[in-house]
Each structure stands twice: as C-alpha cells, then as structure tokens.
C-alpha cells in the first residue's frame, strides 16, 4: 500500500506550545514529521477518550483481552506500539474486520420509516477525509462500501483512499496510488470485495481490497476508446457499462472483463443508470431522449423524450424503481413516475419540474429507500438541494447560507442513509448524519 509522502515532508515542532509538549517521548525531543505527529495525536486521544465496547470491533476486544492475559510477560512499551500503528499498517485481520463489519451504519436506521417532508433532520460531523492532508487535486469520486463502515475517495492526485467512517475520527485505513492514471471515477463492486478505478486512459484497474492485488485491465478488445473515465457497475455485479463515443454504451462482463455488447443511442451518451436488479440500463444523451435497454437481450425496449430538455446531463432510477429523474444544463430536474415505462407514452409529463438550481446538473443521488434525492451542480458555488421525493419538494431548512458546501463535486449516501457525504473543489469531503 502507498503512503502519503506529504505526511513525511511535513515538520512539526513539539516545543512550540504546551499542548504539543505533552506528545514528546522525552524533554529533549523537538521536531517530528507529520505521520508521526498524527500517530501520537491518535494515541493521546485514545488515552483520554477510550472507545466504548459498543463501538469496538470484535477483533479489537479480543486483542485487548489477549494483551491483558499476557501483560505479565510484556512491557508497556510493546503494548503501546501494537495499539498505535498507522492506518496503512493495519494487520490483515483488522482490515478485513473493518470491511466486513456491518455495525453502526447498517443497524442504526433499522427502526426508521417515513421521513418528514417539512424539515430535514441533519447534523454535520467531522469531515470524512480529515485524517489526511487536504489535497489540492480534485476529489472526483466518493462512495460508501455496500456493507461496512468504510468510504472510498479518489481523485486527480492518482490516489484511492479508504476511511473507516465513525463521524468522529474517520481514520484512514489504506492508500493506493495509481502512478499512471489520475482517477476520474471509482466504485465498489456490489460484493464489496473489489473497487473499479478508471481515468482518461484506454485501460482501467480493479483493486482487490482483501488481498491488496491490483489488476490492470488493458482495455476492451475490439474497441478503440481513448477514455474509459465514465462507467457504472450493475447492481447485480455482472456488468460494467462504459460510456463510449458516438452514443455507444459498451457493456463488459465483470467476470471475464471482456466485451459483451454495444447498446446504441442517437447523439452522445452522457449518463446511464441501472434498474435495481441489473436487468435494464437507462441511457440519456444529447438527443434529449431516455433509452431503456434490456442488457441480456441486447436491445432497446423503450425510449421517451425528456420534457423541455436543454442539454441532457444526468439520468437516475430510484432504488425502488418508482421514480425516474433527469437533469439538464439549465439546472432543471424532471421527476417522473413509472408511467414513463408504458409502451405508448413517448412524451411523458413529469410529476414535477424541479427548478431550485440554475446551472448544469452534475449529480442526482437517491437514498436507499427512495425518500430523498440530492441534486447538485458543480458550475456554481453552493448549488445543492435535498428533495423529499414523495412530495417532490425541496427542504427549506438545509442547506442554509452558512452551510460550507462550496463547489460540489460528488455526493453519496451511506447504505442505510445514516450519512450524507459531499465532496467539494476545496478537497474536503463534508460528512453529515441524517436522523
């Protein structure tokens, strides 16, 4: 695993303030690098605020029990060293526990049902990527692991990072650098075992989280695509859809990493979205039409004209498949119901044309139960709104003029919507809890 070089270049004096003096190992010690400084801060924090049992992984509890039994044969220094390792040096068992754990994110919302349309109950917590120095290269992708307390960030600094999300420390688990590719998009495979990473290259990578193995996929046989930067993985995990040139959606088998079929649209293809089971893929492009393809049958089964579309940008299907949303360059988001799938309905009327934003829509994201939808634009500062989907209305209480969104790049909900993450052009990944 790659380590941030900026951590090592940063120099910090421990004699500068009374607070940092407490981090010294002896009175004569002064300057240390950023990585060591982070390690000592974490050690000090853990001493003052020990983690309660309910927030600890089973492996952590067992490890402490083993240490207590062996305390008569071990020195305090050895115990401290074992507990205060850097995130990139976590042992394989601990890393796997973090990735496999479903407590916290996936359990807390189990008893919640209807979300109020009047007020969004949201609270800011510590930034998701606070454990690493701010990157001045754009963070292009953020995503939550499908069944663990883990988030990925990736960007133009060529680095994929994994964080354990707890809303307080959000420690970094791992960093992986792809030296020959600034990253434009990264996604977890639905199994949670692998991450697909791409950029403006003819090839893409698959990173196996558990083994740490990186496979370079040299491109798509028979295709001369210069860039594979835009893709989407089917929820079933069987397919990767790359957005090709000349209106072509290139479907690749995830199992073989080989070409499966081409799905053709008029004009260009700018966005795709899958049905919940991966049977259908929806494409949206410059012609202002939405295409519905049956992937297994390799054919278009429906197409309709997006109402009043000027400059197609994004299409999204809600997880419950009751809602279909399209975004355009004018900032308008059309929200449709299932009537768009009726065979003869080629010019459907949206439930509502949402006009809260005025610049090109870059993000439309539904939460897990399709009650919330976030719409955002990167073209202007603070352009983000949260929509209560059943009523098609925007929340007025958040965001406010004081919400530090800046220029929004990417948006993601955690699997059960306990967290909302927003990355911006300043290199921050803002993190909010939804109650």
Protein backbone atom coordinates (compact mmCIF):
# COMPACT_ATOMS: atom_id res chain seq x y z
CA UNK A 1 0.00 0.00 0.00
CA UNK A 2 1.19 3.52 -0.81
CA UNK A 3 1.73 6.09 1.93
CA UNK A 4 1.15 9.86 1.61
CA UNK A 5 4.53 11.49 1.02
CA UNK A 6 3.13 14.82 2.28
CA UNK A 7 2.83 13.31 5.77
CA UNK A 8 6.58 12.66 5.86
CA UNK A 9 7.57 16.05 4.41
CA UNK A 10 5.57 18.00 6.98
CA UNK A 11 7.72 19.03 10.00
CA UNK A 12 6.17 19.92 13.36
CA UNK A 13 7.85 21.29 16.49
CA UNK A 14 6.68 19.69 19.72
CA UNK A 15 8.10 22.52 21.82
CA UNK A 16 6.01 25.25 20.19
CA UNK A 17 3.01 25.00 22.55
CA UNK A 18 2.17 23.44 25.89
CA UNK A 19 -0.28 21.08 24.20
CA UNK A 20 2.28 19.62 21.79
CA UNK A 21 4.87 19.30 24.58
CA UNK A 22 2.70 16.51 26.01
CA UNK A 23 3.34 14.48 22.87
CA UNK A 24 7.12 14.25 23.45
CA UNK A 25 8.75 10.96 24.41
CA UNK A 26 11.46 12.87 26.30
CA UNK A 27 12.16 16.51 27.18
CA UNK A 28 14.85 16.98 24.54
CA UNK A 29 12.70 15.82 21.62
CA UNK A 30 11.55 18.59 19.27
CA UNK A 31 10.79 18.18 15.53
CA UNK A 32 8.89 15.18 14.11
CA UNK A 33 7.25 14.53 10.75
CA UNK A 34 3.51 14.70 10.03
CA UNK A 35 2.96 10.94 10.03
CA UNK A 36 4.48 10.54 13.50
CA UNK A 37 2.57 13.60 14.74
CA UNK A 38 -0.73 12.05 13.57
CA UNK A 39 0.14 8.77 15.29
CA UNK A 40 0.88 10.47 18.60
CA UNK A 41 -2.26 12.61 18.48
CA UNK A 42 -4.34 9.49 17.94
CA UNK A 43 -2.57 7.76 20.83
CA UNK A 44 -3.24 10.72 23.13
CA UNK A 45 -6.89 10.88 22.06
CA UNK A 46 -7.40 7.18 22.74
CA UNK A 47 -5.93 7.58 26.21
CA UNK A 48 -8.30 10.44 27.07
CA UNK A 49 -11.38 9.10 25.31
CA UNK A 50 -11.23 5.30 25.22
CA UNK A 51 -13.62 3.71 22.75
CA UNK A 52 -16.71 2.15 24.42
CA UNK A 53 -17.35 -1.57 23.89
CA UNK A 54 -20.42 -0.95 21.71
CA UNK A 55 -18.31 0.95 19.18
CA UNK A 56 -15.49 -1.56 19.02
CA UNK A 57 -14.95 -4.39 16.58
CA UNK A 58 -14.89 -7.96 17.94
CA UNK A 59 -11.24 -8.30 16.93
CA UNK A 60 -10.32 -5.20 18.99
CA UNK A 61 -11.99 -6.59 22.12
CA UNK A 62 -10.34 -9.99 21.70
CA UNK A 63 -6.95 -8.35 21.09
CA UNK A 64 -7.24 -6.37 24.32
CA UNK A 65 -8.22 -9.49 26.24
CA UNK A 66 -5.16 -11.30 24.90
CA UNK A 67 -2.95 -8.37 25.92
CA UNK A 68 -4.33 -8.36 29.45
CA UNK A 69 -3.58 -12.07 29.80
CA UNK A 70 -0.06 -11.55 28.51
CA UNK A 71 0.60 -8.35 30.48
CA UNK A 72 2.83 -10.12 33.00
CA UNK A 73 5.18 -11.13 30.18
CA UNK A 74 5.05 -7.95 28.11
CA UNK A 75 6.26 -4.43 28.67
CA UNK A 76 4.05 -1.35 28.46
CA UNK A 77 6.10 -0.09 25.52
CA UNK A 78 5.36 -3.20 23.46
CA UNK A 79 1.64 -2.85 24.15
CA UNK A 80 1.64 0.82 23.11
CA UNK A 81 3.45 0.07 19.87
CA UNK A 82 0.92 -2.59 18.97
CA UNK A 83 -2.05 -0.31 19.58
CA UNK A 84 -0.70 2.78 17.82
CA UNK A 85 0.16 1.54 14.37
CA UNK A 86 -0.54 3.76 11.34
CA UNK A 87 -3.73 3.02 9.36
CA UNK A 88 -1.71 1.85 6.39
CA UNK A 89 -0.03 -0.70 8.65
CA UNK A 90 -3.18 -2.37 9.95
CA UNK A 91 -2.85 -6.12 10.03
CA UNK A 92 -4.89 -8.10 7.52
CA UNK A 93 -7.38 -9.39 10.11
CA UNK A 94 -8.17 -5.90 11.40
CA UNK A 95 -8.58 -4.53 7.89
CA UNK A 96 -10.93 -7.37 6.96
CA UNK A 97 -12.91 -6.80 10.16
CA UNK A 98 -13.37 -3.16 9.20
CA UNK A 99 -14.54 -4.06 5.72
CA UNK A 100 -16.85 -6.87 6.79
CA UNK A 101 -18.35 -5.15 9.83
CA UNK A 102 -21.99 -4.13 9.48
CA UNK A 103 -22.49 -2.50 12.85
CA UNK A 104 -23.10 1.22 13.12
CA UNK A 105 -24.09 2.34 9.65
CA UNK A 106 -26.31 -0.62 8.77
CA UNK A 107 -28.06 -1.14 12.08
CA UNK A 108 -28.94 2.29 13.38
CA UNK A 109 -31.67 3.08 10.86
CA UNK A 110 -33.45 -0.29 11.07
CA UNK A 111 -36.38 1.16 13.01
CA UNK A 112 -36.89 4.28 10.91
CA UNK A 113 -39.54 4.54 8.24
CA UNK A 114 -41.16 7.72 6.98
CA UNK A 115 -39.06 10.87 6.58
CA UNK A 116 -40.83 14.16 7.25
CA UNK A 117 -41.30 16.43 4.21
CA UNK A 118 -41.24 19.57 6.37
CA UNK A 119 -37.81 19.56 7.99
CA UNK A 120 -34.61 17.67 7.26
CA UNK A 121 -33.05 16.42 10.49
CA UNK A 122 -29.37 16.72 9.60
CA UNK A 123 -26.19 17.38 11.59
CA UNK A 124 -22.64 17.97 10.45
CA UNK A 125 -19.91 15.72 11.86
CA UNK A 126 -16.16 15.55 11.20
CA UNK A 127 -15.07 15.53 7.55
CA UNK A 128 -14.77 12.04 6.13
CA UNK A 129 -11.19 12.64 4.91
CA UNK A 130 -9.94 14.66 7.88
CA UNK A 131 -7.25 12.03 8.64
CA UNK A 132 -5.18 13.06 5.60
CA UNK A 133 -3.75 16.41 4.49
CA UNK A 134 -6.04 18.32 2.16
CA UNK A 135 -5.39 17.50 -1.48
CA UNK A 136 -5.20 20.38 -3.91
CA UNK A 137 -6.11 17.99 -6.71
CA UNK A 138 -9.81 17.41 -7.28
CA UNK A 139 -11.51 14.53 -5.45
CA UNK A 140 -13.64 13.19 -8.28
CA UNK A 141 -15.28 10.17 -6.61
CA UNK A 142 -16.66 9.26 -3.21
CA UNK A 143 -18.60 6.10 -2.35
CA UNK A 144 -19.66 4.11 0.68
CA UNK A 145 -18.90 0.42 0.99
CA UNK A 146 -22.11 -1.61 0.48
CA UNK A 147 -21.93 -3.41 3.84
CA UNK A 148 -19.16 -1.96 6.03
CA UNK A 149 -18.32 1.30 7.79
CA UNK A 150 -15.95 2.31 5.00
CA UNK A 151 -15.79 5.09 2.42
CA UNK A 152 -13.56 5.49 -0.61
CA UNK A 153 -12.28 8.75 -2.04
CA UNK A 154 -10.36 9.05 -5.30
CA UNK A 155 -9.17 11.88 -7.47
CA UNK A 156 -6.73 13.58 -9.75
CA UNK A 157 -3.85 13.02 -7.31
CA UNK A 158 -3.93 9.41 -8.61
CA UNK A 159 -4.75 8.10 -5.14
CA UNK A 160 -7.51 5.85 -3.87
CA UNK A 161 -8.09 6.12 -0.12
CA UNK A 162 -10.24 4.10 2.25
CA UNK A 163 -11.57 5.53 5.52
CA UNK A 164 -13.40 3.95 8.42
CA UNK A 165 -16.43 6.17 8.97
CA UNK A 166 -17.45 6.84 12.57
CA UNK A 167 -18.24 10.56 12.36
CA UNK A 168 -15.55 11.42 14.93
CA UNK A 169 -12.07 10.29 13.90
CA UNK A 170 -12.77 8.72 10.48
CA UNK A 171 -9.31 7.10 10.41
CA UNK A 172 -7.65 6.26 7.15
CA UNK A 173 -7.42 2.52 6.54
CA UNK A 174 -5.38 2.47 3.37
CA UNK A 175 -4.00 4.47 0.43
CA UNK A 176 -3.28 3.09 -3.03
CA UNK A 177 -1.59 5.12 -5.75
CA UNK A 178 -2.07 4.53 -9.48
CA UNK A 179 1.03 6.22 -10.85
CA UNK A 180 -0.03 6.27 -14.49
CA UNK A 181 -3.63 7.45 -14.06
CA UNK A 182 -5.36 10.44 -12.47
CA UNK A 183 -8.62 8.91 -11.22
CA UNK A 184 -11.88 10.20 -12.67
CA UNK A 185 -14.20 7.52 -11.33
CA UNK A 186 -14.14 4.74 -8.73
CA UNK A 187 -16.86 2.39 -7.48
CA UNK A 188 -17.17 -0.51 -5.10
CA UNK A 189 -18.33 -3.74 -6.69
CA UNK A 190 -21.71 -4.69 -5.12
CA UNK A 191 -20.00 -7.61 -3.36
CA UNK A 192 -17.79 -5.11 -1.54
CA UNK A 193 -14.66 -7.14 -2.28
CA UNK A 194 -13.23 -5.04 -5.12
CA UNK A 195 -13.01 -1.47 -6.39
CA UNK A 196 -13.06 -0.50 -10.06
CA UNK A 197 -10.93 2.55 -10.88
CA UNK A 198 -10.74 4.45 -14.19
CA UNK A 199 -9.47 7.65 -15.75
CA UNK A 200 -8.82 9.20 -19.13
CA UNK A 201 -7.00 6.12 -20.31
CA UNK A 202 -7.69 3.16 -22.58
CA UNK A 203 -7.33 0.83 -19.59
CA UNK A 204 -8.82 0.53 -16.12
CA UNK A 205 -7.90 -1.12 -12.81
CA UNK A 206 -9.57 -3.50 -10.39
CA UNK A 207 -8.29 -3.39 -6.82
CA UNK A 208 -8.98 -6.38 -4.58
CA UNK A 209 -9.48 -4.99 -1.08
CA UNK A 210 -8.84 -8.18 0.84
CA UNK A 211 -5.70 -9.35 -0.96
CA UNK A 212 -4.35 -5.93 -1.95
CA UNK A 213 -3.84 -7.16 -5.53
CA UNK A 214 -4.24 -4.63 -8.36
CA UNK A 215 -5.24 -5.96 -11.78
CA UNK A 216 -4.70 -3.76 -14.81
CA UNK A 217 -7.34 -4.41 -17.47
CA UNK A 218 -5.71 -3.36 -20.77
CA UNK A 219 -8.88 -2.11 -22.41
CA UNK A 220 -11.83 -3.56 -24.27
CA UNK A 221 -10.91 -5.94 -27.05
CA UNK A 222 -12.06 -4.69 -30.44
CA UNK A 223 -12.74 -1.17 -29.18
CA UNK A 224 -10.64 1.91 -29.81
CA UNK A 225 -11.96 4.05 -26.97
CA UNK A 226 -9.41 6.63 -25.87
CA UNK A 227 -11.00 7.12 -22.46
CA UNK A 228 -12.85 4.81 -20.08
CA UNK A 229 -13.35 7.51 -17.46
CA UNK A 230 -17.14 7.13 -17.23
CA UNK A 231 -18.65 3.83 -16.15
CA UNK A 232 -21.33 2.29 -13.97
CA UNK A 233 -21.47 -1.18 -12.38
CA UNK A 234 -24.77 -3.05 -12.45
CA UNK A 235 -26.37 -3.69 -9.03
CA UNK A 236 -26.22 -7.43 -9.75
CA UNK A 237 -22.45 -7.14 -10.23
CA UNK A 238 -22.46 -8.91 -13.61
CA UNK A 239 -21.77 -5.95 -15.90
CA UNK A 240 -19.74 -2.78 -16.25
CA UNK A 241 -21.24 -0.15 -18.57
CA UNK A 242 -18.67 2.22 -20.09
CA UNK A 243 -19.89 5.40 -21.76
CA UNK A 244 -18.31 5.21 -25.19
CA UNK A 245 -18.14 7.61 -28.11
CA UNK A 246 -20.86 8.21 -30.72
CA UNK A 247 -23.73 7.30 -28.42
CA UNK A 248 -22.46 3.82 -27.56
CA UNK A 249 -22.92 2.17 -24.17
CA UNK A 250 -20.26 -0.54 -24.02
CA UNK A 251 -21.27 -3.46 -21.81
CA UNK A 252 -18.41 -5.54 -20.38
CA UNK A 253 -18.76 -8.81 -18.46
CA UNK A 254 -17.39 -8.31 -14.96
CA UNK A 255 -16.47 -11.99 -14.71
CA UNK A 256 -14.37 -12.15 -17.88
CA UNK A 257 -13.58 -8.41 -18.27
CA UNK A 258 -14.43 -8.88 -21.96
CA UNK A 259 -16.83 -7.09 -24.28
CA UNK A 260 -20.42 -8.33 -24.04
CA UNK A 261 -22.37 -5.98 -26.33
CA UNK A 262 -22.87 -2.43 -27.58
CA UNK A 263 -26.09 -0.53 -26.91
CA UNK A 264 -26.55 2.34 -29.36
CA UNK A 265 -28.24 5.72 -28.87
CA UNK A 266 -28.67 8.71 -31.16
CA UNK A 267 -26.23 11.53 -30.49
CA UNK A 268 -23.93 11.17 -27.49
CA UNK A 269 -24.46 9.27 -24.26
CA UNK A 270 -23.88 11.44 -21.19
CA UNK A 271 -25.27 9.37 -18.34
CA UNK A 272 -26.56 5.89 -17.50
CA UNK A 273 -28.48 4.33 -14.62
CA UNK A 274 -29.44 0.73 -13.83
CA UNK A 275 -32.66 -0.89 -12.69
CA UNK A 276 -32.41 -2.39 -9.21
CA UNK A 277 -31.75 -5.94 -10.42
CA UNK A 278 -29.47 -5.01 -13.32
CA UNK A 279 -31.88 -6.25 -15.99
CA UNK A 280 -32.27 -2.83 -17.60
CA UNK A 281 -29.94 0.09 -18.19
CA UNK A 282 -31.21 3.59 -18.97
CA UNK A 283 -29.18 5.95 -21.16
CA UNK A 284 -29.54 9.72 -21.53
CA UNK A 285 -27.77 11.89 -24.05
CA UNK A 286 -27.57 14.88 -26.35
CA UNK A 287 -30.75 13.97 -28.25
CA UNK A 288 -32.76 14.64 -25.09
CA UNK A 289 -34.18 11.13 -25.04
CA UNK A 290 -34.03 8.41 -22.40
CA UNK A 291 -33.39 4.90 -23.72
CA UNK A 292 -34.28 1.73 -21.82
CA UNK A 293 -32.23 -1.33 -22.81
CA UNK A 294 -32.61 -4.97 -21.82
CA UNK A 295 -28.96 -5.92 -21.36
CA UNK A 296 -29.29 -9.70 -21.65
CA UNK A 297 -31.36 -9.36 -24.83
CA UNK A 298 -29.10 -6.57 -26.13
CA UNK A 299 -32.00 -4.45 -27.34
CA UNK A 300 -33.81 -1.18 -26.73
CA UNK A 301 -37.25 -1.84 -25.26
CA UNK A 302 -38.42 1.75 -24.71
CA UNK A 303 -37.43 5.36 -25.32
CA UNK A 304 -39.04 8.62 -24.37
CA UNK A 305 -38.42 12.35 -24.80
CA UNK A 306 -37.41 14.27 -21.70
CA UNK A 307 -39.84 17.13 -21.23
CA UNK A 308 -38.33 20.51 -22.19
CA UNK A 309 -34.79 19.15 -22.09
CA UNK A 310 -31.98 21.55 -22.99
CA UNK A 311 -28.57 19.90 -22.65
CA UNK A 312 -29.02 16.44 -21.13
CA UNK A 313 -26.65 15.72 -18.23
CA UNK A 314 -27.83 13.05 -15.75
CA UNK A 315 -30.40 10.25 -15.52
CA UNK A 316 -31.15 8.28 -12.34
CA UNK A 317 -33.53 5.48 -11.41
CA UNK A 318 -34.62 5.31 -7.77
CA UNK A 319 -33.78 2.11 -5.84
CA UNK A 320 -37.47 1.16 -5.60
CA UNK A 321 -37.87 1.90 -9.34
CA UNK A 322 -40.90 4.11 -8.71
CA UNK A 323 -39.13 7.30 -9.75
CA UNK A 324 -37.02 8.41 -12.71
CA UNK A 325 -35.10 11.68 -12.66
CA UNK A 326 -33.34 13.61 -15.43
CA UNK A 327 -31.06 16.63 -15.13
CA UNK A 328 -30.12 19.22 -17.72
CA UNK A 329 -27.67 22.05 -18.39
CA UNK A 330 -30.28 24.62 -17.33
CA UNK A 331 -30.47 23.21 -13.81
CA UNK A 332 -33.95 21.75 -14.25
CA UNK A 333 -34.53 18.27 -12.82
CA UNK A 334 -37.58 16.41 -14.09
CA UNK A 335 -39.05 13.82 -11.74
CA UNK A 336 -41.18 11.10 -13.36
CA UNK A 337 -43.16 8.11 -12.08
CA UNK A 338 -43.47 4.62 -13.57
CA UNK A 339 -45.78 5.85 -16.31
CA UNK A 340 -42.66 6.53 -18.37
CA UNK A 341 -42.40 2.77 -18.93
CA UNK A 342 -45.81 2.50 -20.61
CA UNK A 343 -45.27 1.37 -24.23
CA UNK A 344 -47.12 4.24 -25.89
CA UNK A 345 -46.01 7.01 -23.55
CA UNK A 346 -43.20 8.56 -25.61
CA UNK A 347 -43.64 12.11 -24.28
CA UNK A 348 -44.38 11.69 -20.57
CA UNK A 349 -45.23 14.60 -18.31
CA UNK A 350 -43.06 14.79 -15.18
CA UNK A 351 -44.58 14.72 -11.72
CA UNK A 352 -42.70 17.94 -11.22
CA UNK A 353 -40.03 20.02 -12.90
CA UNK A 354 -37.71 20.95 -10.03
CA UNK A 355 -36.22 24.39 -10.69
CA UNK A 356 -34.30 25.15 -7.48
CA UNK A 357 -30.94 25.17 -9.29
CA UNK A 358 -29.96 27.24 -12.31
CA UNK A 359 -26.74 25.67 -13.61
CA UNK A 360 -25.82 22.33 -15.19
CA UNK A 361 -26.81 19.34 -13.04
CA UNK A 362 -23.83 17.08 -12.27
CA UNK A 363 -25.30 14.92 -9.52
CA UNK A 364 -28.64 13.26 -8.86
CA UNK A 365 -28.49 10.75 -6.00
CA UNK A 366 -31.37 8.86 -4.36
CA UNK A 367 -31.09 7.49 -0.84
CA UNK A 368 -31.56 3.79 -0.13
CA UNK A 369 -35.36 3.82 0.29
CA UNK A 370 -36.08 6.45 -2.40
CA UNK A 371 -37.50 9.01 0.05
CA UNK A 372 -34.71 11.54 -0.52
CA UNK A 373 -32.99 12.80 -3.64
CA UNK A 374 -29.98 15.13 -3.71
CA UNK A 375 -29.45 17.31 -6.78
CA UNK A 376 -26.26 19.32 -7.24
CA UNK A 377 -24.31 21.41 -9.73
CA UNK A 378 -20.57 21.95 -9.84
CA UNK A 379 -20.86 25.05 -12.03
CA UNK A 380 -21.72 27.47 -9.23
CA UNK A 381 -20.98 27.74 -5.52
CA UNK A 382 -23.36 26.10 -3.01
CA UNK A 383 -25.61 24.55 -5.67
CA UNK A 384 -27.16 21.61 -3.81
CA UNK A 385 -30.69 20.81 -2.71
CA UNK A 386 -32.30 17.86 -0.94
CA UNK A 387 -35.68 16.83 -2.34
CA UNK A 388 -38.38 14.94 -0.45
CA UNK A 389 -39.29 12.59 -3.27
CA UNK A 390 -42.90 11.58 -2.44
CA UNK A 391 -43.93 15.26 -2.35
CA UNK A 392 -41.33 16.45 -4.90
CA UNK A 393 -40.45 19.43 -2.69
CA UNK A 394 -37.08 20.85 -1.65
CA UNK A 395 -36.25 21.19 2.03
CA UNK A 396 -36.04 24.83 3.08
CA UNK A 397 -34.09 24.35 6.33
CA UNK A 398 -30.97 22.84 4.72
CA UNK A 399 -28.62 23.75 3.20
CA UNK A 400 -28.54 27.31 4.52
CA UNK A 401 -26.40 30.30 3.55
CA UNK A 402 -23.95 29.23 6.26
CA UNK A 403 -23.54 25.64 5.02
CA UNK A 404 -19.92 25.41 3.71
CA UNK A 405 -20.67 23.42 0.57
CA UNK A 406 -18.57 25.48 -1.86
CA UNK A 407 -18.44 23.95 -5.38
CA UNK A 408 -19.96 20.48 -5.07
CA UNK A 409 -18.17 17.70 -6.98
CA UNK A 410 -19.69 14.43 -5.75
CA UNK A 411 -22.47 13.25 -3.43
CA UNK A 412 -23.11 9.89 -1.74
CA UNK A 413 -25.50 8.36 0.79
CA UNK A 414 -24.37 5.58 3.11
CA UNK A 415 -26.14 2.22 2.57
CA UNK A 416 -28.93 2.89 5.07
CA UNK A 417 -28.84 6.69 4.75
CA UNK A 418 -27.32 7.38 8.16
CA UNK A 419 -24.70 9.55 6.46
CA UNK A 420 -24.66 12.00 3.57
CA UNK A 421 -21.23 12.84 2.13
CA UNK A 422 -20.46 15.82 -0.11
CA UNK A 423 -17.07 16.46 -1.70
CA UNK A 424 -16.12 19.89 -2.98
CA UNK A 425 -13.43 21.58 -5.05
CA UNK A 426 -11.54 22.58 -1.89
CA UNK A 427 -10.62 18.93 -1.29
CA UNK A 428 -12.95 18.41 1.66
CA UNK A 429 -15.43 15.55 2.00
CA UNK A 430 -18.13 17.01 4.22
CA UNK A 431 -20.00 14.45 6.30
CA UNK A 432 -23.50 14.77 7.75
CA UNK A 433 -25.67 12.46 9.82
CA UNK A 434 -29.34 12.05 8.98
CA UNK A 435 -31.64 11.27 11.90
